[in-house]
C-alpha atoms as a PDB file:
ATOM      1  CA  MET A   1       4.125  11.275  15.995  1.00  0.00           C
ATOM      2  CA  THR A   2       6.456  14.148  15.181  1.00  0.00           C
ATOM      3  CA  GLY A   3       3.787  16.572  13.956  1.00  0.00           C
ATOM      4  CA  PRO A   4       4.327  19.515  11.641  1.00  0.00           C
ATOM      5  CA  LEU A   5       7.881  20.660  10.986  1.00  0.00           C
ATOM      6  CA  LYS A   6       9.026  23.927  12.557  1.00  0.00           C
ATOM      7  CA  ASN A   7      10.154  25.313   9.201  1.00  0.00           C
ATOM      8  CA  ALA A   8       6.954  26.141   7.268  1.00  0.00           C
ATOM      9  CA  ARG A   9       8.633  25.657   3.882  1.00  0.00           C
ATOM     10  CA  HIS A  10       9.962  22.269   4.887  1.00  0.00           C
ATOM     11  CA  GLU A  11       6.482  21.288   6.096  1.00  0.00           C
ATOM     12  CA  ARG A  12       4.883  22.360   2.816  1.00  0.00           C
ATOM     13  CA  PHE A  13       7.602  20.528   0.882  1.00  0.00           C
ATOM     14  CA  ALA A  14       6.945  17.349   2.898  1.00  0.00           C
ATOM     15  CA  GLN A  15       3.189  17.669   2.325  1.00  0.00           C
ATOM     16  CA  GLU A  16       3.631  18.050  -1.426  1.00  0.00           C
ATOM     17  CA  LEU A  17       5.986  15.045  -1.532  1.00  0.00           C
ATOM     18  CA  ALA A  18       3.465  12.995   0.435  1.00  0.00           C
ATOM     19  CA  LYS A  19       0.812  13.913  -2.147  1.00  0.00           C
ATOM     20  CA  GLY A  20       3.051  12.418  -4.817  1.00  0.00           C
ATOM     21  CA  LEU A  21       4.525  15.540  -6.380  1.00  0.00           C
ATOM     22  CA  PRO A  22       8.078  15.164  -7.748  1.00  0.00           C
ATOM     23  CA  ALA A  23      10.725  16.745  -5.513  1.00  0.00           C
ATOM     24  CA  SER A  24      11.518  19.553  -7.970  1.00  0.00           C
ATOM     25  CA  LYS A  25       7.850  20.621  -8.182  1.00  0.00           C
ATOM     26  CA  ALA A  26       7.287  20.209  -4.444  1.00  0.00           C
ATOM     27  CA  TYR A  27      10.307  22.441  -3.863  1.00  0.00           C
ATOM     28  CA  VAL A  28       8.788  25.227  -5.967  1.00  0.00           C
ATOM     29  CA  ALA A  29       5.332  24.717  -4.388  1.00  0.00           C
ATOM     30  CA  ALA A  30       6.961  25.226  -0.980  1.00  0.00           C
ATOM     31  CA  GLY A  31       8.103  28.675  -2.042  1.00  0.00           C
ATOM     32  CA  TYR A  32      11.672  28.029  -3.133  1.00  0.00           C
ATOM     33  CA  ARG A  33      13.260  29.008  -6.450  1.00  0.00           C
ATOM     34  CA  PRO A  34      13.613  26.039  -8.821  1.00  0.00           C
ATOM     35  CA  SER A  35      16.742  24.025  -8.049  1.00  0.00           C
ATOM     36  CA  GLU A  36      17.079  20.327  -8.783  1.00  0.00           C
ATOM     37  CA  PRO A  37      20.117  19.799  -6.503  1.00  0.00           C
ATOM     38  CA  ASN A  38      18.535  21.630  -3.564  1.00  0.00           C
ATOM     39  CA  SER A  39      15.218  19.807  -3.907  1.00  0.00           C
ATOM     40  CA  SER A  40      17.084  16.503  -3.951  1.00  0.00           C
ATOM     41  CA  ARG A  41      19.112  17.492  -0.887  1.00  0.00           C
ATOM     42  CA  LEU A  42      15.999  18.542   1.040  1.00  0.00           C
ATOM     43  CA  THR A  43      14.326  15.232   0.169  1.00  0.00           C
ATOM     44  CA  ARG A  44      17.153  13.423   1.983  1.00  0.00           C
ATOM     45  CA  ASN A  45      16.788  15.600   5.102  1.00  0.00           C
ATOM     46  CA  GLU A  46      15.999  13.270   8.038  1.00  0.00           C
ATOM     47  CA  GLN A  47      13.219  15.409   9.488  1.00  0.00           C
ATOM     48  CA  VAL A  48      11.592  15.933   6.098  1.00  0.00           C
ATOM     49  CA  SER A  49      11.725  12.256   5.150  1.00  0.00           C
ATOM     50  CA  ALA A  50      10.321  11.266   8.567  1.00  0.00           C
ATOM     51  CA  ARG A  51       7.486  13.769   8.123  1.00  0.00           C
ATOM     52  CA  VAL A  52       6.709  12.446   4.613  1.00  0.00           C
ATOM     53  CA  ALA A  53       6.532   8.902   6.004  1.00  0.00           C
ATOM     54  CA  GLU A  54       4.255  10.101   8.802  1.00  0.00           C
ATOM     55  CA  LEU A  55       1.925  11.905   6.378  1.00  0.00           C
ATOM     56  CA  LYS A  56       1.735   8.884   4.081  1.00  0.00           C
ATOM     57  CA  GLY A  57       0.956   6.647   7.064  1.00  0.00           C
ATOM     58  CA  MET A  58      -1.826   8.963   8.190  1.00  0.00           C
ATOM     59  CA  ALA A  59      -3.327   8.950   4.691  1.00  0.00           C
ATOM     60  CA  ALA A  60      -3.178   5.146   4.504  1.00  0.00           C
ATOM     61  CA  ASP A  61      -4.929   4.844   7.878  1.00  0.00           C
ATOM     62  CA  LYS A  62      -7.741   7.097   6.673  1.00  0.00           C
ATOM     63  CA  VAL A  63      -8.267   5.034   3.533  1.00  0.00           C
ATOM     64  CA  VAL A  64      -8.415   1.752   5.441  1.00  0.00           C
ATOM     65  CA  VAL A  65     -10.801   3.176   8.006  1.00  0.00           C
ATOM     66  CA  THR A  66     -12.984   4.602   5.256  1.00  0.00           C
ATOM     67  CA  VAL A  67     -13.278   1.319   3.363  1.00  0.00           C
ATOM     68  CA  ALA A  68     -13.870  -0.648   6.552  1.00  0.00           C
ATOM     69  CA  GLY A  69     -16.372   1.904   7.827  1.00  0.00           C
ATOM     70  CA  LEU A  70     -18.304   1.989   4.580  1.00  0.00           C
ATOM     71  CA  THR A  71     -18.371  -1.783   4.412  1.00  0.00           C
ATOM     72  CA  GLU A  72     -19.703  -2.006   7.957  1.00  0.00           C
ATOM     73  CA  ARG A  73     -22.405   0.602   7.346  1.00  0.00           C
ATOM     74  CA  LEU A  74     -23.534  -0.995   4.075  1.00  0.00           C
ATOM     75  CA  LEU A  75     -23.724  -4.408   5.724  1.00  0.00           C
ATOM     76  CA  LYS A  76     -25.957  -2.930   8.459  1.00  0.00           C
ATOM     77  CA  ILE A  77     -28.263  -1.534   5.769  1.00  0.00           C
ATOM     78  CA  ALA A  78     -28.344  -4.924   4.052  1.00  0.00           C
ATOM     79  CA  ALA A  79     -29.076  -6.684   7.362  1.00  0.00           C
ATOM     80  CA  ALA A  80     -31.976  -4.334   8.056  1.00  0.00           C
ATOM     81  CA  GLY A  81     -33.712  -5.586   4.906  1.00  0.00           C
ATOM     82  CA  ASP A  82     -32.819  -9.246   5.470  1.00  0.00           C
ATOM     83  CA  GLY A  83     -35.881 -11.423   5.952  1.00  0.00           C
ATOM     84  CA  LYS A  84     -38.274  -8.688   4.834  1.00  0.00           C
ATOM     85  CA  THR A  85     -40.615  -9.427   1.980  1.00  0.00           C
ATOM     86  CA  GLU A  86     -41.453  -5.875   0.898  1.00  0.00           C
ATOM     87  CA  ALA A  87     -39.912  -5.171  -2.499  1.00  0.00           C
ATOM     88  CA  PRO A  88     -38.377  -1.775  -1.586  1.00  0.00           C
ATOM     89  CA  LEU A  89     -36.538  -3.253   1.406  1.00  0.00           C
ATOM     90  CA  LEU A  90     -35.274  -6.174  -0.656  1.00  0.00           C
ATOM     91  CA  SER A  91     -34.048  -3.740  -3.300  1.00  0.00           C
ATOM     92  CA  VAL A  92     -32.212  -1.606  -0.743  1.00  0.00           C
ATOM     93  CA  SER A  93     -30.685  -4.700   0.852  1.00  0.00           C
ATOM     94  CA  ARG A  94     -29.504  -6.053  -2.514  1.00  0.00           C
ATOM     95  CA  ALA A  95     -28.078  -2.674  -3.558  1.00  0.00           C
ATOM     96  CA  ALA A  96     -26.183  -2.370  -0.266  1.00  0.00           C
ATOM     97  CA  LEU A  97     -24.646  -5.827  -0.690  1.00  0.00           C
ATOM     98  CA  MET A  98     -23.633  -5.012  -4.268  1.00  0.00           C
ATOM     99  CA  ASP A  99     -22.006  -1.783  -3.048  1.00  0.00           C
ATOM    100  CA  VAL A 100     -20.045  -3.755  -0.439  1.00  0.00           C
ATOM    101  CA  ALA A 101     -18.854  -6.177  -3.106  1.00  0.00           C
ATOM    102  CA  LYS A 102     -17.768  -3.358  -5.441  1.00  0.00           C
ATOM    103  CA  LEU A 103     -16.084  -1.428  -2.633  1.00  0.00           C
ATOM    104  CA  ASN A 104     -14.037  -4.477  -1.700  1.00  0.00           C
ATOM    105  CA  GLY A 105     -13.074  -5.280  -5.295  1.00  0.00           C
ATOM    106  CA  LEU A 106     -15.199  -8.404  -5.617  1.00  0.00           C
ATOM    107  CA  ILE A 107     -17.039  -7.003  -8.638  1.00  0.00           C
ATOM    108  CA  VAL A 108     -15.376  -5.180 -11.516  1.00  0.00           C
ATOM    109  CA  ASP A 109     -17.350  -3.040 -13.937  1.00  0.00           C
ATOM    110  CA  ARG A 110     -16.911  -4.476 -17.414  1.00  0.00           C
ATOM    111  CA  SER A 111     -16.578  -0.980 -18.838  1.00  0.00           C
ATOM    112  CA  ARG A 112     -13.211  -0.706 -17.096  1.00  0.00           C
ATOM    113  CA  ILE A 113     -11.710  -3.856 -18.576  1.00  0.00           C
ATOM    114  CA  GLY A 114      -9.432  -3.410 -21.581  1.00  0.00           C
ATOM    115  CA  PHE A 115      -8.325  -5.987 -24.108  1.00  0.00           C
ATOM    116  CA  ASP A 116      -4.933  -6.408 -25.680  1.00  0.00           C
ATOM    117  CA  PHE A 117      -5.172  -8.314 -28.958  1.00  0.00           C
ATOM    118  CA  SER A 118      -1.566  -7.704 -29.984  1.00  0.00           C
ATOM    119  CA  ASN A 119      -0.470 -11.238 -29.006  1.00  0.00           C
ATOM    120  CA  CYS A 120      -3.392 -13.043 -30.683  1.00  0.00           C
ATOM    121  CA  THR A 121      -2.828 -15.271 -33.683  1.00  0.00           C
ATOM    122  CA  ASP A 122      -4.784 -14.763 -36.895  1.00  0.00           C
ATOM    123  CA  ASP A 123      -6.871 -17.854 -36.117  1.00  0.00           C
ATOM    124  CA  GLU A 124      -7.781 -16.501 -32.671  1.00  0.00           C
ATOM    125  CA  LEU A 125      -8.780 -13.146 -34.164  1.00  0.00           C
ATOM    126  CA  GLU A 126     -10.926 -14.845 -36.823  1.00  0.00           C
ATOM    127  CA  THR A 127     -12.659 -16.918 -34.141  1.00  0.00           C
ATOM    128  CA  LEU A 128     -13.356 -13.792 -32.128  1.00  0.00           C
ATOM    129  CA  GLU A 129     -14.779 -12.047 -35.213  1.00  0.00           C
ATOM    130  CA  ARG A 130     -17.135 -14.996 -35.852  1.00  0.00           C
ATOM    131  CA  ILE A 131     -18.316 -14.935 -32.221  1.00  0.00           C
ATOM    132  CA  LEU A 132     -18.903 -11.183 -32.305  1.00  0.00           C
ATOM    133  CA  ALA A 133     -20.790 -11.457 -35.601  1.00  0.00           C
ATOM    134  CA  ARG A 134     -23.273 -13.866 -33.950  1.00  0.00           C
ATOM    135  CA  THR A 135     -23.687 -11.713 -30.824  1.00  0.00           C
ATOM    136  CA  PRO A 136     -26.576  -9.206 -30.955  1.00  0.00           C
ATOM    137  CA  GLN A 137     -25.222  -5.665 -30.786  1.00  0.00           C
ATOM    138  CA  PRO A 138     -26.654  -3.196 -28.206  1.00  0.00           C
ATOM    139  CA  ARG A 139     -28.954  -0.555 -29.649  1.00  0.00           C
END
C-alpha cells in the first residue's frame, strides 16, 4: 500500500478520480485552474494512477465486506427464528431471509423493471392489450 500522496493536490485529484469524476473536473476540485491538457497529463502520472487504483481497490473491498457481512448477520437472525412457532419470530426470520435474497440479487423489485415495446409487432401489442384489459387494475 502506497498511502496518501505527498503532494496534497495530487492526492485530492486521485481521490476525485477514484470517485468517478472526469479528469478535468477532478483537476479543478484539487485546486488547479481549469486545463484539459494538464488534467490529462496528471492522470497519466505513475504515482497518481497507482493511487487511484489503490483507492478503487479499497472501495471494492469495503463493498464486498459489507455485502458479505450483512448477509451473514441476516442469516443469523433468520436462524434464530428457525424452528420457532411464535408468529413474531417466524415473521422476523422470513423478513431476514427475504433481505438476504434481495441483497444478493436473487429477488428484483418489479417496480424497477422497464419494458421496451419498440421491437414488438402489431399482433404482439394487440395480444398484450387484450391481456391487460382482462387483468383487474389496482385501486
